[in-house]
Amino acid sequence: MLNTVCFFEVPADDPEKLQNFYSEMFGWKFQKVPGDFRYYKIDMGVDKPKGGLTARQDPMHGPVNYIKVLSVEESMEKAVKLGAQVVVPKKPVLGSGWFGVLLDPQGNRIGLWEEDASAL
């Protein structure tokens, strides 16, 4: 469903260590995403929303909710016109889709997600 939260992301200074907290607290399971980046899919035992645990990118990097949109590019253009700033421009998630991250006019991070199995 468009314009709804479809994914959340939790940043961590030590992602491997923080997994223990969420596993013990909520029973979540984690799966390392292939590659050099420290990123883990979160399995909560339900379909949606999905989640990820990532290495913190900067001291202000807090949790991010991703909103499913028809077009990341068009949504970013609209958001900028409404006073948002682009933090992460449109990037692919191979074989899954596209994402981008904004700061809303009051500095909150918002992720945008566009499904596209042909994303390269």
Protein backbone atom coordinates (compact mmCIF):
# COMPACT_ATOMS: atom_id res chain seq x y z
CA MET A 1 0.00 0.00 0.00
CA LEU A 2 1.45 3.37 -1.03
CA ASN A 3 2.21 6.17 1.43
CA THR A 4 2.40 3.85 4.44
CA VAL A 5 5.33 2.72 6.57
CA CYS A 6 6.75 -0.41 4.94
CA PHE A 7 10.18 -0.71 6.61
CA PHE A 8 12.02 0.56 9.66
CA GLU A 9 15.71 0.81 10.35
CA VAL A 10 17.51 0.84 13.70
CA PRO A 11 21.05 2.31 13.75
CA ALA A 12 23.61 0.93 16.17
CA ASP A 13 27.14 1.78 17.25
CA ASP A 14 27.74 -1.98 17.57
CA PRO A 15 25.10 -3.79 15.47
CA GLU A 16 26.31 -7.26 16.42
CA LYS A 17 26.04 -6.50 20.14
CA LEU A 18 22.67 -4.71 19.87
CA GLN A 19 21.17 -7.80 18.25
CA ASN A 20 21.34 -9.52 21.64
CA PHE A 21 19.08 -6.89 23.20
CA TYR A 22 16.38 -7.17 20.52
CA SER A 23 16.63 -10.95 20.42
CA GLU A 24 16.15 -11.24 24.19
CA MET A 25 13.57 -8.44 24.41
CA PHE A 26 11.31 -9.32 21.46
CA GLY A 27 12.55 -12.63 20.06
CA TRP A 28 13.71 -11.02 16.82
CA LYS A 29 16.15 -12.91 14.59
CA PHE A 30 18.83 -11.33 12.43
CA GLN A 31 20.36 -12.24 9.06
CA LYS A 32 23.51 -10.56 7.73
CA VAL A 33 23.06 -8.95 4.32
CA PRO A 34 25.88 -9.96 1.91
CA GLY A 35 28.66 -7.44 1.39
CA ASP A 36 31.07 -5.36 3.43
CA PHE A 37 28.47 -3.09 5.02
CA ARG A 38 27.29 -4.04 8.52
CA TYR A 39 23.59 -4.51 7.83
CA TYR A 40 21.18 -7.14 9.15
CA LYS A 41 17.63 -7.99 8.13
CA ILE A 42 15.28 -8.28 11.10
CA ASP A 43 12.90 -11.23 11.20
CA MET A 44 10.05 -10.46 13.61
CA GLY A 45 8.03 -13.49 12.58
CA VAL A 46 5.48 -11.34 10.71
CA ASP A 47 5.26 -10.03 7.16
CA LYS A 48 5.07 -6.26 7.64
CA PRO A 49 6.57 -3.92 8.37
CA LYS A 50 10.04 -5.29 7.73
CA GLY A 51 13.11 -4.00 9.47
CA GLY A 52 16.86 -3.68 9.40
CA LEU A 53 19.68 -3.09 11.86
CA THR A 54 22.50 -0.97 10.47
CA ALA A 55 25.80 0.56 11.52
CA ARG A 56 25.25 4.17 12.65
CA GLN A 57 26.40 6.58 9.92
CA ASP A 58 26.78 9.72 12.06
CA PRO A 59 26.00 10.84 15.64
CA MET A 60 22.57 12.17 14.61
CA HIS A 61 21.58 8.93 12.81
CA GLY A 62 18.44 7.82 14.61
CA PRO A 63 15.76 5.28 13.68
CA VAL A 64 14.25 5.75 10.21
CA ASN A 65 10.79 4.79 9.00
CA TYR A 66 10.56 4.11 5.27
CA ILE A 67 7.41 5.11 3.41
CA LYS A 68 6.42 3.16 0.29
CA VAL A 69 6.01 5.52 -2.67
CA LEU A 70 5.37 5.15 -6.38
CA SER A 71 8.58 7.04 -7.30
CA VAL A 72 11.47 7.94 -4.98
CA GLU A 73 12.68 10.58 -7.42
CA GLU A 74 9.30 12.33 -7.76
CA SER A 75 8.66 12.10 -4.02
CA MET A 76 12.06 13.65 -3.25
CA GLU A 77 11.37 16.52 -5.64
CA LYS A 78 8.01 17.17 -3.98
CA ALA A 79 9.53 16.95 -0.48
CA VAL A 80 12.26 19.47 -1.34
CA LYS A 81 9.61 21.88 -2.63
CA LEU A 82 7.84 21.46 0.72
CA GLY A 83 11.01 22.31 2.68
CA ALA A 84 12.75 18.94 3.12
CA GLN A 85 16.45 18.26 2.50
CA VAL A 86 17.87 15.20 0.74
CA VAL A 87 20.29 13.28 2.99
CA VAL A 88 20.73 10.17 0.81
CA PRO A 89 19.86 10.53 -2.88
CA LYS A 90 18.03 7.76 -4.72
CA LYS A 91 20.07 4.53 -4.57
CA PRO A 92 19.34 0.96 -5.65
CA VAL A 93 18.89 -2.13 -3.52
CA LEU A 94 19.81 -4.75 -6.10
CA GLY A 95 16.84 -6.73 -7.30
CA SER A 96 14.47 -5.14 -4.78
CA GLY A 97 13.96 -1.45 -5.37
CA TRP A 98 15.16 2.09 -4.73
CA PHE A 99 15.51 4.13 -1.55
CA GLY A 100 16.37 7.64 -0.49
CA VAL A 101 16.44 9.51 2.82
CA LEU A 102 15.19 13.02 3.60
CA LEU A 103 15.18 15.39 6.54
CA ASP A 104 11.71 16.84 6.99
CA PRO A 105 11.44 20.62 7.62
CA GLN A 106 12.04 20.02 11.35
CA GLY A 107 15.02 17.69 10.95
CA ASN A 108 13.39 14.24 11.24
CA ARG A 109 14.70 11.50 8.95
CA ILE A 110 12.22 9.95 6.53
CA GLY A 111 13.09 7.08 4.23
CA LEU A 112 11.39 6.60 0.87
CA TRP A 113 11.03 3.15 -0.72
CA GLU A 114 10.09 2.27 -4.31
CA GLU A 115 9.66 -1.41 -5.16
CA ASP A 116 11.38 -2.41 -8.41
CA ALA A 117 12.73 -5.93 -8.96
CA SER A 118 14.83 -4.61 -11.88
CA ALA A 119 16.79 -2.13 -9.70
CA LEU A 120 20.52 -2.30 -10.38
